[in-house]
Every structure is written in structure tokens, then in C-alpha cells.
Amino acid sequence: QVQTVESGGGLVQPGGSLRLSCAASGRIFSIKTMAWYRQAPGKQREWVAYITSGGRTTYVDSVKGRFTISRDNAERTVPLQMNSLKPEDTAVYYCNSFPPSPGSWGQGTQVTVSS
């Protein structure tokens, strides 16, 4: 089973950048598609980016060109580089497999984009 711990969130001004980190455990990590999800206040949790075991990436249109997901299978980490941040990116960000494992949700990391 893959378990994840998210970190790197914080307060940033519009147009700024943040780099989130997902530290994963579990021997099956390297064969799992991993994803970043986010949940804004009052909204459902949605995926924003995922990366396959082979390194292929997919993004929702709203973050394409601004966010970059990657993975380091040796260290079992999944960074999410977020550039040109917008207020609508404000959310709690989570890391999980794709599709998600119900028992593997972490506490998430808060990203707040505000002036």
C-alpha cells in the first residue's frame, strides 16, 4: 500500500511559485500512477495532475503550462512545481495514487494564493 505525506504549502502572492513535495512509502510506488489533488473550500476534491510509472504526465486545463509534476522513484517522492499561481489555486493539496486509494489520503498541505 502506498502512503503519502504532503509538504511545501504556504501563503504566496498571485503570480508567485511554490514547490510541493509528496513523500511516499510502499514498495509498489514505482509501478503506480501518482497524482496531486486539491480541494478548495466548499468544493469537491479534484485531481490536478498525474504522472505514470513511465513518467508520462497529464494536467487539467486550468493548470496546464503552470504546474509541473515529476517523480523520483528512488526516493519515492512526487514534487509539484506550481508557477504563476492564481487565487483560484487556493486549496488543500493532496497526493495519492491515480485512481486514488481510499485508505491512503494524508493530511494535505494548504496552499493560499492571496495579495
PDB file of N, CA and C in Angstrom:
ATOM      1  N   GLN A   1       0.831  -1.179   0.000  1.00  0.00           N
ATOM      2  CA  GLN A   1       0.000   0.000   0.000  1.00  0.00           C
ATOM      3  C   GLN A   1       0.877   1.245   0.000  1.00  0.00           C
ATOM      4  N   VAL A   2       0.484   2.239  -0.783  1.00  0.00           N
ATOM      5  CA  VAL A   2       1.203   3.496  -0.846  1.00  0.00           C
ATOM      6  C   VAL A   2       0.612   4.464   0.169  1.00  0.00           C
ATOM      7  N   GLN A   3       1.463   5.018   1.008  1.00  0.00           N
ATOM      8  CA  GLN A   3       1.073   6.064   1.942  1.00  0.00           C
ATOM      9  C   GLN A   3       1.864   7.318   1.606  1.00  0.00           C
ATOM     10  N   THR A   4       1.233   8.479   1.775  1.00  0.00           N
ATOM     11  CA  THR A   4       1.854   9.723   1.346  1.00  0.00           C
ATOM     12  C   THR A   4       1.801  10.786   2.426  1.00  0.00           C
ATOM     13  N   VAL A   5       2.808  11.647   2.409  1.00  0.00           N
ATOM     14  CA  VAL A   5       2.880  12.804   3.284  1.00  0.00           C
ATOM     15  C   VAL A   5       3.191  14.016   2.425  1.00  0.00           C
ATOM     16  N   GLU A   6       2.308  15.011   2.476  1.00  0.00           N
ATOM     17  CA  GLU A   6       2.464  16.214   1.670  1.00  0.00           C
ATOM     18  C   GLU A   6       3.109  17.331   2.479  1.00  0.00           C
ATOM     19  N   SER A   7       3.884  18.156   1.797  1.00  0.00           N
ATOM     20  CA  SER A   7       4.514  19.301   2.440  1.00  0.00           C
ATOM     21  C   SER A   7       4.813  20.367   1.397  1.00  0.00           C
ATOM     22  N   GLY A   8       5.171  21.544   1.861  1.00  0.00           N
ATOM     23  CA  GLY A   8       5.601  22.608   0.973  1.00  0.00           C
ATOM     24  C   GLY A   8       4.596  23.707   0.728  1.00  0.00           C
ATOM     25  N   GLY A   9       3.393  23.572   1.255  1.00  0.00           N
ATOM     26  CA  GLY A   9       2.392  24.600   1.053  1.00  0.00           C
ATOM     27  C   GLY A   9       2.701  25.855   1.838  1.00  0.00           C
ATOM     28  N   GLY A  10       1.908  26.881   1.584  1.00  0.00           N
ATOM     29  CA  GLY A  10       2.098  28.134   2.271  1.00  0.00           C
ATOM     30  C   GLY A  10       1.312  29.241   1.634  1.00  0.00           C
ATOM     31  N   LEU A  11       1.621  30.452   2.044  1.00  0.00           N
ATOM     32  CA  LEU A  11       0.977  31.648   1.522  1.00  0.00           C
ATOM     33  C   LEU A  11       1.868  32.272   0.466  1.00  0.00           C
ATOM     34  N   VAL A  12       1.294  32.557  -0.687  1.00  0.00           N
ATOM     35  CA  VAL A  12       2.052  33.141  -1.783  1.00  0.00           C
ATOM     36  C   VAL A  12       1.185  34.173  -2.498  1.00  0.00           C
ATOM     37  N   GLN A  13       1.818  35.194  -3.033  1.00  0.00           N
ATOM     38  CA  GLN A  13       1.089  36.218  -3.770  1.00  0.00           C
ATOM     39  C   GLN A  13       0.736  35.732  -5.171  1.00  0.00           C
ATOM     40  N   PRO A  14      -0.330  36.270  -5.764  1.00  0.00           N
ATOM     41  CA  PRO A  14      -0.641  35.914  -7.141  1.00  0.00           C
ATOM     42  C   PRO A  14       0.565  36.128  -8.052  1.00  0.00           C
ATOM     43  N   GLY A  15       0.780  35.166  -8.931  1.00  0.00           N
ATOM     44  CA  GLY A  15       1.929  35.206  -9.813  1.00  0.00           C
ATOM     45  C   GLY A  15       3.163  34.542  -9.244  1.00  0.00           C
ATOM     46  N   GLY A  16       3.117  34.177  -7.978  1.00  0.00           N
ATOM     47  CA  GLY A  16       4.248  33.548  -7.335  1.00  0.00           C
ATOM     48  C   GLY A  16       4.322  32.061  -7.596  1.00  0.00           C
ATOM     49  N   SER A  17       5.272  31.420  -6.940  1.00  0.00           N
ATOM     50  CA  SER A  17       5.524  29.996  -7.140  1.00  0.00           C
ATOM     51  C   SER A  17       5.654  29.266  -5.814  1.00  0.00           C
ATOM     52  N   LEU A  18       5.321  27.994  -5.845  1.00  0.00           N
ATOM     53  CA  LEU A  18       5.525  27.095  -4.726  1.00  0.00           C
ATOM     54  C   LEU A  18       5.921  25.735  -5.274  1.00  0.00           C
ATOM     55  N   ARG A  19       6.677  25.006  -4.494  1.00  0.00           N
ATOM     56  CA  ARG A  19       7.038  23.641  -4.843  1.00  0.00           C
ATOM     57  C   ARG A  19       6.557  22.727  -3.728  1.00  0.00           C
ATOM     58  N   LEU A  20       5.595  21.890  -4.050  1.00  0.00           N
ATOM     59  CA  LEU A  20       5.074  20.928  -3.105  1.00  0.00           C
ATOM     60  C   LEU A  20       5.845  19.628  -3.221  1.00  0.00           C
ATOM     61  N   SER A  21       5.872  18.887  -2.130  1.00  0.00           N
ATOM     62  CA  SER A  21       6.539  17.606  -2.136  1.00  0.00           C
ATOM     63  C   SER A  21       5.623  16.542  -1.557  1.00  0.00           C
ATOM     64  N   CYS A  22       5.631  15.399  -2.172  1.00  0.00           N
ATOM     65  CA  CYS A  22       4.903  14.238  -1.699  1.00  0.00           C
ATOM     66  C   CYS A  22       5.919  13.147  -1.409  1.00  0.00           C
ATOM     67  N   ALA A  23       6.003  12.762  -0.164  1.00  0.00           N
ATOM     68  CA  ALA A  23       6.874  11.667   0.234  1.00  0.00           C
ATOM     69  C   ALA A  23       6.030  10.417   0.391  1.00  0.00           C
ATOM     70  N   ALA A  24       6.344   9.400  -0.367  1.00  0.00           N
ATOM     71  CA  ALA A  24       5.543   8.187  -0.396  1.00  0.00           C
ATOM     72  C   ALA A  24       6.308   7.011   0.181  1.00  0.00           C
ATOM     73  N   SER A  25       5.556   6.085   0.729  1.00  0.00           N
ATOM     74  CA  SER A  25       6.119   4.838   1.206  1.00  0.00           C
ATOM     75  C   SER A  25       5.355   3.687   0.566  1.00  0.00           C
ATOM     76  N   GLY A  26       5.989   2.553   0.524  1.00  0.00           N
ATOM     77  CA  GLY A  26       5.369   1.396  -0.098  1.00  0.00           C
ATOM     78  C   GLY A  26       6.179   0.905  -1.278  1.00  0.00           C
ATOM     79  N   ARG A  27       6.369  -0.376  -1.334  1.00  0.00           N
ATOM     80  CA  ARG A  27       7.217  -0.951  -2.375  1.00  0.00           C
ATOM     81  C   ARG A  27       6.586  -0.924  -3.759  1.00  0.00           C
ATOM     82  N   ILE A  28       5.265  -0.714  -3.832  1.00  0.00           N
ATOM     83  CA  ILE A  28       4.599  -0.663  -5.126  1.00  0.00           C
ATOM     84  C   ILE A  28       4.586   0.738  -5.726  1.00  0.00           C
ATOM     85  N   PHE A  29       5.210   1.697  -5.064  1.00  0.00           N
ATOM     86  CA  PHE A  29       5.193   3.070  -5.543  1.00  0.00           C
ATOM     87  C   PHE A  29       5.638   3.178  -7.000  1.00  0.00           C
ATOM     88  N   SER A  30       6.705   2.494  -7.343  1.00  0.00           N
ATOM     89  CA  SER A  30       7.316   2.663  -8.652  1.00  0.00           C
ATOM     90  C   SER A  30       6.438   2.195  -9.810  1.00  0.00           C
ATOM     91  N   ILE A  31       5.419   1.405  -9.540  1.00  0.00           N
ATOM     92  CA  ILE A  31       4.536   0.927 -10.592  1.00  0.00           C
ATOM     93  C   ILE A  31       3.170   1.601 -10.561  1.00  0.00           C
ATOM     94  N   LYS A  32       3.011   2.567  -9.687  1.00  0.00           N
ATOM     95  CA  LYS A  32       1.732   3.251  -9.549  1.00  0.00           C
ATOM     96  C   LYS A  32       1.744   4.599 -10.251  1.00  0.00           C
ATOM     97  N   THR A  33       0.627   4.913 -10.883  1.00  0.00           N
ATOM     98  CA  THR A  33       0.423   6.277 -11.336  1.00  0.00           C
ATOM     99  C   THR A  33       0.127   7.142 -10.115  1.00  0.00           C
ATOM    100  N   MET A  34       0.855   8.238  -9.973  1.00  0.00           N
ATOM    101  CA  MET A  34       0.691   9.119  -8.827  1.00  0.00           C
ATOM    102  C   MET A  34       0.116  10.455  -9.263  1.00  0.00           C
ATOM    103  N   ALA A  35      -0.644  11.057  -8.369  1.00  0.00           N
ATOM    104  CA  ALA A  35      -1.344  12.278  -8.720  1.00  0.00           C
ATOM    105  C   ALA A  35      -1.369  13.266  -7.570  1.00  0.00           C
ATOM    106  N   TRP A  36      -1.511  14.517  -7.927  1.00  0.00           N
ATOM    107  CA  TRP A  36      -1.832  15.568  -6.978  1.00  0.00           C
ATOM    108  C   TRP A  36      -3.295  15.942  -7.154  1.00  0.00           C
ATOM    109  N   TYR A  37      -3.965  16.101  -6.032  1.00  0.00           N
ATOM    110  CA  TYR A  37      -5.356  16.505  -5.981  1.00  0.00           C
ATOM    111  C   TYR A  37      -5.453  17.788  -5.166  1.00  0.00           C
ATOM    112  N   ARG A  38      -6.569  18.467  -5.292  1.00  0.00           N
ATOM    113  CA  ARG A  38      -6.787  19.635  -4.453  1.00  0.00           C
ATOM    114  C   ARG A  38      -8.262  19.768  -4.124  1.00  0.00           C
ATOM    115  N   GLN A  39      -8.516  20.391  -2.989  1.00  0.00           N
ATOM    116  CA  GLN A  39      -9.873  20.632  -2.551  1.00  0.00           C
ATOM    117  C   GLN A  39      -9.973  22.060  -2.043  1.00  0.00           C
ATOM    118  N   ALA A  40     -10.715  22.871  -2.770  1.00  0.00           N
ATOM    119  CA  ALA A  40     -10.954  24.244  -2.372  1.00  0.00           C
ATOM    120  C   ALA A  40     -12.108  24.281  -1.385  1.00  0.00           C
ATOM    121  N   PRO A  41     -12.196  25.341  -0.577  1.00  0.00           N
ATOM    122  CA  PRO A  41     -13.294  25.439   0.386  1.00  0.00           C
ATOM    123  C   PRO A  41     -14.652  25.321  -0.284  1.00  0.00           C
ATOM    124  N   GLY A  42     -15.489  24.440   0.243  1.00  0.00           N
ATOM    125  CA  GLY A  42     -16.832  24.271  -0.276  1.00  0.00           C
ATOM    126  C   GLY A  42     -16.926  23.506  -1.570  1.00  0.00           C
ATOM    127  N   LYS A  43     -15.834  22.957  -2.047  1.00  0.00           N
ATOM    128  CA  LYS A  43     -15.833  22.236  -3.310  1.00  0.00           C
ATOM    129  C   LYS A  43     -15.356  20.806  -3.129  1.00  0.00           C
ATOM    130  N   GLN A  44     -15.635  19.987  -4.130  1.00  0.00           N
ATOM    131  CA  GLN A  44     -15.199  18.606  -4.118  1.00  0.00           C
ATOM    132  C   GLN A  44     -13.709  18.510  -4.415  1.00  0.00           C
ATOM    133  N   ARG A  45     -13.108  17.456  -3.944  1.00  0.00           N
ATOM    134  CA  ARG A  45     -11.709  17.215  -4.254  1.00  0.00           C
ATOM    135  C   ARG A  45     -11.577  16.768  -5.707  1.00  0.00           C
ATOM    136  N   GLU A  46     -10.621  17.343  -6.411  1.00  0.00           N
ATOM    137  CA  GLU A  46     -10.401  17.039  -7.808  1.00  0.00           C
ATOM    138  C   GLU A  46      -8.921  16.812  -8.073  1.00  0.00           C
ATOM    139  N   TRP A  47      -8.625  15.983  -9.054  1.00  0.00           N
ATOM    140  CA  TRP A  47      -7.236  15.793  -9.444  1.00  0.00           C
ATOM    141  C   TRP A  47      -6.775  16.974 -10.286  1.00  0.00           C
ATOM    142  N   VAL A  48      -5.524  17.302 -10.197  1.00  0.00           N
ATOM    143  CA  VAL A  48      -4.971  18.388 -10.991  1.00  0.00           C
ATOM    144  C   VAL A  48      -3.843  17.929 -11.906  1.00  0.00           C
ATOM    145  N   ALA A  49      -3.164  16.869 -11.537  1.00  0.00           N
ATOM    146  CA  ALA A  49      -2.059  16.375 -12.348  1.00  0.00           C
ATOM    147  C   ALA A  49      -1.737  14.946 -11.941  1.00  0.00           C
ATOM    148  N   TYR A  50      -1.311  14.141 -12.900  1.00  0.00           N
ATOM    149  CA  TYR A  50      -0.830  12.820 -12.547  1.00  0.00           C
ATOM    150  C   TYR A  50       0.342  12.431 -13.431  1.00  0.00           C
ATOM    151  N   ILE A  51       1.099  11.477 -12.943  1.00  0.00           N
ATOM    152  CA  ILE A  51       2.278  11.004 -13.653  1.00  0.00           C
ATOM    153  C   ILE A  51       2.317   9.489 -13.556  1.00  0.00           C
ATOM    154  N   THR A  52       2.496   8.839 -14.686  1.00  0.00           N
ATOM    155  CA  THR A  52       2.514   7.385 -14.722  1.00  0.00           C
ATOM    156  C   THR A  52       3.856   6.857 -14.253  1.00  0.00           C
ATOM    157  N   SER A  53       3.921   5.548 -14.094  1.00  0.00           N
ATOM    158  CA  SER A  53       5.172   4.926 -13.695  1.00  0.00           C
ATOM    159  C   SER A  53       6.276   5.167 -14.712  1.00  0.00           C
ATOM    160  N   GLY A  54       5.894   5.383 -15.963  1.00  0.00           N
ATOM    161  CA  GLY A  54       6.854   5.661 -17.012  1.00  0.00           C
ATOM    162  C   GLY A  54       7.183   7.127 -17.193  1.00  0.00           C
ATOM    163  N   GLY A  55       6.575   7.988 -16.374  1.00  0.00           N
ATOM    164  CA  GLY A  55       6.891   9.401 -16.417  1.00  0.00           C
ATOM    165  C   GLY A  55       6.006  10.243 -17.315  1.00  0.00           C
ATOM    166  N   ARG A  56       4.948   9.677 -17.854  1.00  0.00           N
ATOM    167  CA  ARG A  56       4.031  10.457 -18.674  1.00  0.00           C
ATOM    168  C   ARG A  56       3.106  11.276 -17.793  1.00  0.00           C
ATOM    169  N   THR A  57       2.920  12.541 -18.142  1.00  0.00           N
ATOM    170  CA  THR A  57       2.156  13.463 -17.310  1.00  0.00           C
ATOM    171  C   THR A  57       0.889  13.937 -17.995  1.00  0.00           C
ATOM    172  N   THR A  58      -0.106  14.235 -17.174  1.00  0.00           N
ATOM    173  CA  THR A  58      -1.374  14.766 -17.631  1.00  0.00           C
ATOM    174  C   THR A  58      -1.832  15.827 -16.642  1.00  0.00           C
ATOM    175  N   TYR A  59      -2.383  16.919 -17.166  1.00  0.00           N
ATOM    176  CA  TYR A  59      -2.818  18.032 -16.341  1.00  0.00           C
ATOM    177  C   TYR A  59      -4.230  18.451 -16.706  1.00  0.00           C
ATOM    178  N   VAL A  60      -4.953  18.956 -15.722  1.00  0.00           N
ATOM    179  CA  VAL A  60      -6.219  19.588 -16.036  1.00  0.00           C
ATOM    180  C   VAL A  60      -5.912  20.904 -16.741  1.00  0.00           C
ATOM    181  N   ASP A  61      -6.837  21.339 -17.588  1.00  0.00           N
ATOM    182  CA  ASP A  61      -6.591  22.515 -18.404  1.00  0.00           C
ATOM    183  C   ASP A  61      -6.278  23.757 -17.577  1.00  0.00           C
ATOM    184  N   SER A  62      -6.865  23.861 -16.408  1.00  0.00           N
ATOM    185  CA  SER A  62      -6.699  25.062 -15.605  1.00  0.00           C
ATOM    186  C   SER A  62      -5.281  25.259 -15.081  1.00  0.00           C
ATOM    187  N   VAL A  63      -4.488  24.203 -15.037  1.00  0.00           N
ATOM    188  CA  VAL A  63      -3.119  24.320 -14.535  1.00  0.00           C
ATOM    189  C   VAL A  63      -2.072  24.027 -15.597  1.00  0.00           C
ATOM    190  N   LYS A  64      -2.495  23.589 -16.757  1.00  0.00           N
ATOM    191  CA  LYS A  64      -1.555  23.250 -17.817  1.00  0.00           C
ATOM    192  C   LYS A  64      -0.691  24.455 -18.178  1.00  0.00           C
ATOM    193  N   GLY A  65       0.596  24.228 -18.254  1.00  0.00           N
ATOM    194  CA  GLY A  65       1.533  25.293 -18.551  1.00  0.00           C
ATOM    195  C   GLY A  65       2.039  26.019 -17.329  1.00  0.00           C
ATOM    196  N   ARG A  66       1.401  25.806 -16.193  1.00  0.00           N
ATOM    197  CA  ARG A  66       1.802  26.455 -14.952  1.00  0.00           C
ATOM    198  C   ARG A  66       2.342  25.473 -13.920  1.00  0.00           C
ATOM    199  N   PHE A  67       1.786  24.271 -13.887  1.00  0.00           N
ATOM    200  CA  PHE A  67       2.194  23.250 -12.921  1.00  0.00           C
ATOM    201  C   PHE A  67       3.003  22.173 -13.627  1.00  0.00           C
ATOM    202  N   THR A  68       3.952  21.611 -12.906  1.00  0.00           N
ATOM    203  CA  THR A  68       4.748  20.508 -13.427  1.00  0.00           C
ATOM    204  C   THR A  68       4.868  19.428 -12.369  1.00  0.00           C
ATOM    205  N   ILE A  69       4.403  18.229 -12.700  1.00  0.00           N
ATOM    206  CA  ILE A  69       4.527  17.096 -11.801  1.00  0.00           C
ATOM    207  C   ILE A  69       5.690  16.233 -12.270  1.00  0.00           C
ATOM    208  N   SER A  70       6.414  15.680 -11.337  1.00  0.00           N
ATOM    209  CA  SER A  70       7.513  14.783 -11.653  1.00  0.00           C
ATOM    210  C   SER A  70       7.580  13.700 -10.587  1.00  0.00           C
ATOM    211  N   ARG A  71       8.522  12.786 -10.720  1.00  0.00           N
ATOM    212  CA  ARG A  71       8.672  11.746  -9.707  1.00  0.00           C
ATOM    213  C   ARG A  71      10.104  11.276  -9.635  1.00  0.00           C
ATOM    214  N   ASP A  72      10.477  10.858  -8.449  1.00  0.00           N
ATOM    215  CA  ASP A  72      11.779  10.273  -8.200  1.00  0.00           C
ATOM    216  C   ASP A  72      11.505   8.917  -7.565  1.00  0.00           C
ATOM    217  N   ASN A  73      11.587   7.877  -8.360  1.00  0.00           N
ATOM    218  CA  ASN A  73      11.249   6.547  -7.864  1.00  0.00           C
ATOM    219  C   ASN A  73      12.233   6.037  -6.822  1.00  0.00           C
ATOM    220  N   ALA A  74      13.479   6.466  -6.916  1.00  0.00           N
ATOM    221  CA  ALA A  74      14.472   6.034  -5.943  1.00  0.00           C
ATOM    222  C   ALA A  74      14.170   6.589  -4.561  1.00  0.00           C
ATOM    223  N   GLU A  75      13.794   7.863  -4.502  1.00  0.00           N
ATOM    224  CA  GLU A  75      13.476   8.493  -3.226  1.00  0.00           C
ATOM    225  C   GLU A  75      11.996   8.429  -2.895  1.00  0.00           C
ATOM    226  N   ARG A  76      11.192   7.943  -3.817  1.00  0.00           N
ATOM    227  CA  ARG A  76       9.741   7.832  -3.640  1.00  0.00           C
ATOM    228  C   ARG A  76       9.125   9.186  -3.306  1.00  0.00           C
ATOM    229  N   THR A  77       9.419  10.153  -4.135  1.00  0.00           N
ATOM    230  CA  THR A  77       8.840  11.481  -3.980  1.00  0.00           C
ATOM    231  C   THR A  77       8.180  11.926  -5.277  1.00  0.00           C
ATOM    232  N   VAL A  78       7.165  12.761  -5.134  1.00  0.00           N
ATOM    233  CA  VAL A  78       6.438  13.315  -6.274  1.00  0.00           C
ATOM    234  C   VAL A  78       6.323  14.820  -6.066  1.00  0.00           C
ATOM    235  N   PRO A  79       7.238  15.585  -6.632  1.00  0.00           N
ATOM    236  CA  PRO A  79       7.140  17.038  -6.496  1.00  0.00           C
ATOM    237  C   PRO A  79       6.097  17.622  -7.433  1.00  0.00           C
ATOM    238  N   LEU A  80       5.534  18.737  -7.024  1.00  0.00           N
ATOM    239  CA  LEU A  80       4.642  19.517  -7.872  1.00  0.00           C
ATOM    240  C   LEU A  80       5.132  20.951  -7.864  1.00  0.00           C
ATOM    241  N   GLN A  81       5.689  21.377  -8.978  1.00  0.00           N
ATOM    242  CA  GLN A  81       6.133  22.753  -9.126  1.00  0.00           C
ATOM    243  C   GLN A  81       4.969  23.581  -9.636  1.00  0.00           C
ATOM    244  N   MET A  82       4.620  24.621  -8.905  1.00  0.00           N
ATOM    245  CA  MET A  82       3.490  25.464  -9.245  1.00  0.00           C
ATOM    246  C   MET A  82       3.985  26.879  -9.501  1.00  0.00           C
ATOM    247  N   ASN A  83       3.799  27.351 -10.711  1.00  0.00           N
ATOM    248  CA  ASN A  83       4.198  28.692 -11.103  1.00  0.00           C
ATOM    249  C   ASN A  83       2.977  29.512 -11.499  1.00  0.00           C
ATOM    250  N   SER A  84       3.167  30.815 -11.560  1.00  0.00           N
ATOM    251  CA  SER A  84       2.100  31.732 -11.965  1.00  0.00           C
ATOM    252  C   SER A  84       0.807  31.454 -11.213  1.00  0.00           C
ATOM    253  N   LEU A  85       0.918  31.330  -9.921  1.00  0.00           N
ATOM    254  CA  LEU A  85      -0.229  30.948  -9.107  1.00  0.00           C
ATOM    255  C   LEU A  85      -1.316  32.009  -9.122  1.00  0.00           C
ATOM    256  N   LYS A  86      -2.544  31.527  -9.076  1.00  0.00           N
ATOM    257  CA  LYS A  86      -3.726  32.369  -9.096  1.00  0.00           C
ATOM    258  C   LYS A  86      -4.530  32.155  -7.822  1.00  0.00           C
ATOM    259  N   PRO A  87      -5.342  33.129  -7.433  1.00  0.00           N
ATOM    260  CA  PRO A  87      -6.180  32.933  -6.243  1.00  0.00           C
ATOM    261  C   PRO A  87      -7.049  31.687  -6.319  1.00  0.00           C
ATOM    262  N   GLU A  88      -7.500  31.317  -7.504  1.00  0.00           N
ATOM    263  CA  GLU A  88      -8.323  30.135  -7.644  1.00  0.00           C
ATOM    264  C   GLU A  88      -7.564  28.835  -7.429  1.00  0.00           C
ATOM    265  N   ASP A  89      -6.244  28.909  -7.296  1.00  0.00           N
ATOM    266  CA  ASP A  89      -5.454  27.736  -6.951  1.00  0.00           C
ATOM    267  C   ASP A  89      -5.475  27.462  -5.457  1.00  0.00           C
ATOM    268  N   THR A  90      -6.040  28.364  -4.682  1.00  0.00           N
ATOM    269  CA  THR A  90      -6.106  28.185  -3.240  1.00  0.00           C
ATOM    270  C   THR A  90      -6.891  26.922  -2.901  1.00  0.00           C
ATOM    271  N   ALA A  91      -6.267  26.041  -2.151  1.00  0.00           N
ATOM    272  CA  ALA A  91      -6.880  24.762  -1.809  1.00  0.00           C
ATOM    273  C   ALA A  91      -5.941  23.991  -0.898  1.00  0.00           C
ATOM    274  N   VAL A  92      -6.460  22.917  -0.345  1.00  0.00           N
ATOM    275  CA  VAL A  92      -5.610  21.941   0.308  1.00  0.00           C
ATOM    276  C   VAL A  92      -5.199  20.935  -0.756  1.00  0.00           C
ATOM    277  N   TYR A  93      -3.912  20.705  -0.881  1.00  0.00           N
ATOM    278  CA  TYR A  93      -3.379  19.827  -1.910  1.00  0.00           C
ATOM    279  C   TYR A  93      -2.995  18.485  -1.311  1.00  0.00           C
ATOM    280  N   TYR A  94      -3.383  17.428  -2.000  1.00  0.00           N
ATOM    281  CA  TYR A  94      -3.144  16.064  -1.552  1.00  0.00           C
ATOM    282  C   TYR A  94      -2.412  15.273  -2.625  1.00  0.00           C
ATOM    283  N   CYS A  95      -1.694  14.291  -2.176  1.00  0.00           N
ATOM    284  CA  CYS A  95      -1.026  13.363  -3.065  1.00  0.00           C
ATOM    285  C   CYS A  95      -1.582  11.964  -2.828  1.00  0.00           C
ATOM    286  N   ASN A  96      -1.813  11.237  -3.896  1.00  0.00           N
ATOM    287  CA  ASN A  96      -2.323   9.884  -3.798  1.00  0.00           C
ATOM    288  C   ASN A  96      -2.082   9.206  -5.141  1.00  0.00           C
ATOM    289  N   SER A  97      -2.373   7.932  -5.210  1.00  0.00           N
ATOM    290  CA  SER A  97      -2.302   7.250  -6.485  1.00  0.00           C
ATOM    291  C   SER A  97      -3.437   7.727  -7.380  1.00  0.00           C
ATOM    292  N   PHE A  98      -3.397   7.327  -8.639  1.00  0.00           N
ATOM    293  CA  PHE A  98      -4.436   7.679  -9.585  1.00  0.00           C
ATOM    294  C   PHE A  98      -4.859   6.424 -10.324  1.00  0.00           C
ATOM    295  N   PRO A  99      -6.093   6.000 -10.154  1.00  0.00           N
ATOM    296  CA  PRO A  99      -7.119   6.491  -9.241  1.00  0.00           C
ATOM    297  C   PRO A  99      -6.685   6.399  -7.779  1.00  0.00           C
ATOM    298  N   PRO A 100      -7.268   7.194  -6.915  1.00  0.00           N
ATOM    299  CA  PRO A 100      -6.800   7.231  -5.530  1.00  0.00           C
ATOM    300  C   PRO A 100      -7.152   5.984  -4.751  1.00  0.00           C
ATOM    301  N   SER A 101      -6.295   5.680  -3.810  1.00  0.00           N
ATOM    302  CA  SER A 101      -6.559   4.638  -2.840  1.00  0.00           C
ATOM    303  C   SER A 101      -7.296   5.262  -1.665  1.00  0.00           C
ATOM    304  N   PRO A 102      -8.496   4.780  -1.349  1.00  0.00           N
ATOM    305  CA  PRO A 102      -9.285   5.430  -0.289  1.00  0.00           C
ATOM    306  C   PRO A 102      -8.586   5.487   1.059  1.00  0.00           C
ATOM    307  N   GLY A 103      -7.763   4.518   1.353  1.00  0.00           N
ATOM    308  CA  GLY A 103      -7.095   4.490   2.639  1.00  0.00           C
ATOM    309  C   GLY A 103      -5.763   5.196   2.687  1.00  0.00           C
ATOM    310  N   SER A 104      -5.412   5.911   1.632  1.00  0.00           N
ATOM    311  CA  SER A 104      -4.086   6.500   1.543  1.00  0.00           C
ATOM    312  C   SER A 104      -4.068   8.021   1.553  1.00  0.00           C
ATOM    313  N   TRP A 105      -5.190   8.658   1.861  1.00  0.00           N
ATOM    314  CA  TRP A 105      -5.214  10.116   1.932  1.00  0.00           C
ATOM    315  C   TRP A 105      -4.446  10.612   3.142  1.00  0.00           C
ATOM    316  N   GLY A 106      -3.578  11.580   2.920  1.00  0.00           N
ATOM    317  CA  GLY A 106      -2.854  12.208   4.004  1.00  0.00           C
ATOM    318  C   GLY A 106      -3.585  13.431   4.504  1.00  0.00           C
ATOM    319  N   GLN A 107      -2.880  14.244   5.261  1.00  0.00           N
ATOM    320  CA  GLN A 107      -3.492  15.452   5.810  1.00  0.00           C
ATOM    321  C   GLN A 107      -3.524  16.598   4.808  1.00  0.00           C
ATOM    322  N   GLY A 108      -2.768  16.484   3.750  1.00  0.00           N
ATOM    323  CA  GLY A 108      -2.698  17.531   2.755  1.00  0.00           C
ATOM    324  C   GLY A 108      -1.822  18.689   3.201  1.00  0.00           C
ATOM    325  N   THR A 109      -1.593  19.607   2.274  1.00  0.00           N
ATOM    326  CA  THR A 109      -0.836  20.811   2.590  1.00  0.00           C
ATOM    327  C   THR A 109      -1.577  22.013   2.013  1.00  0.00           C
ATOM    328  N   GLN A 110      -1.735  23.038   2.819  1.00  0.00           N
ATOM    329  CA  GLN A 110      -2.526  24.201   2.438  1.00  0.00           C
ATOM    330  C   GLN A 110      -1.742  25.132   1.527  1.00  0.00           C
ATOM    331  N   VAL A 111      -2.357  25.495   0.418  1.00  0.00           N
ATOM    332  CA  VAL A 111      -1.816  26.499  -0.483  1.00  0.00           C
ATOM    333  C   VAL A 111      -2.796  27.661  -0.527  1.00  0.00           C
ATOM    334  N   THR A 112      -2.315  28.833  -0.179  1.00  0.00           N
ATOM    335  CA  THR A 112      -3.148  30.024  -0.195  1.00  0.00           C
ATOM    336  C   THR A 112      -2.498  31.061  -1.096  1.00  0.00           C
ATOM    337  N   VAL A 113      -3.225  31.476  -2.114  1.00  0.00           N
ATOM    338  CA  VAL A 113      -2.736  32.478  -3.056  1.00  0.00           C
ATOM    339  C   VAL A 113      -3.541  33.747  -2.834  1.00  0.00           C
ATOM    340  N   SER A 114      -2.901  34.737  -2.284  1.00  0.00           N
ATOM    341  CA  SER A 114      -3.596  35.967  -1.925  1.00  0.00           C
ATOM    342  C   SER A 114      -2.611  37.120  -1.847  1.00  0.00           C
ATOM    343  N   SER A 115      -3.094  38.303  -2.183  1.00  0.00           N
ATOM    344  CA  SER A 115      -2.283  39.503  -2.058  1.00  0.00           C
ATOM    345  C   SER A 115      -2.441  40.141  -0.685  1.00  0.00           C
TER     346      SER A 115
END
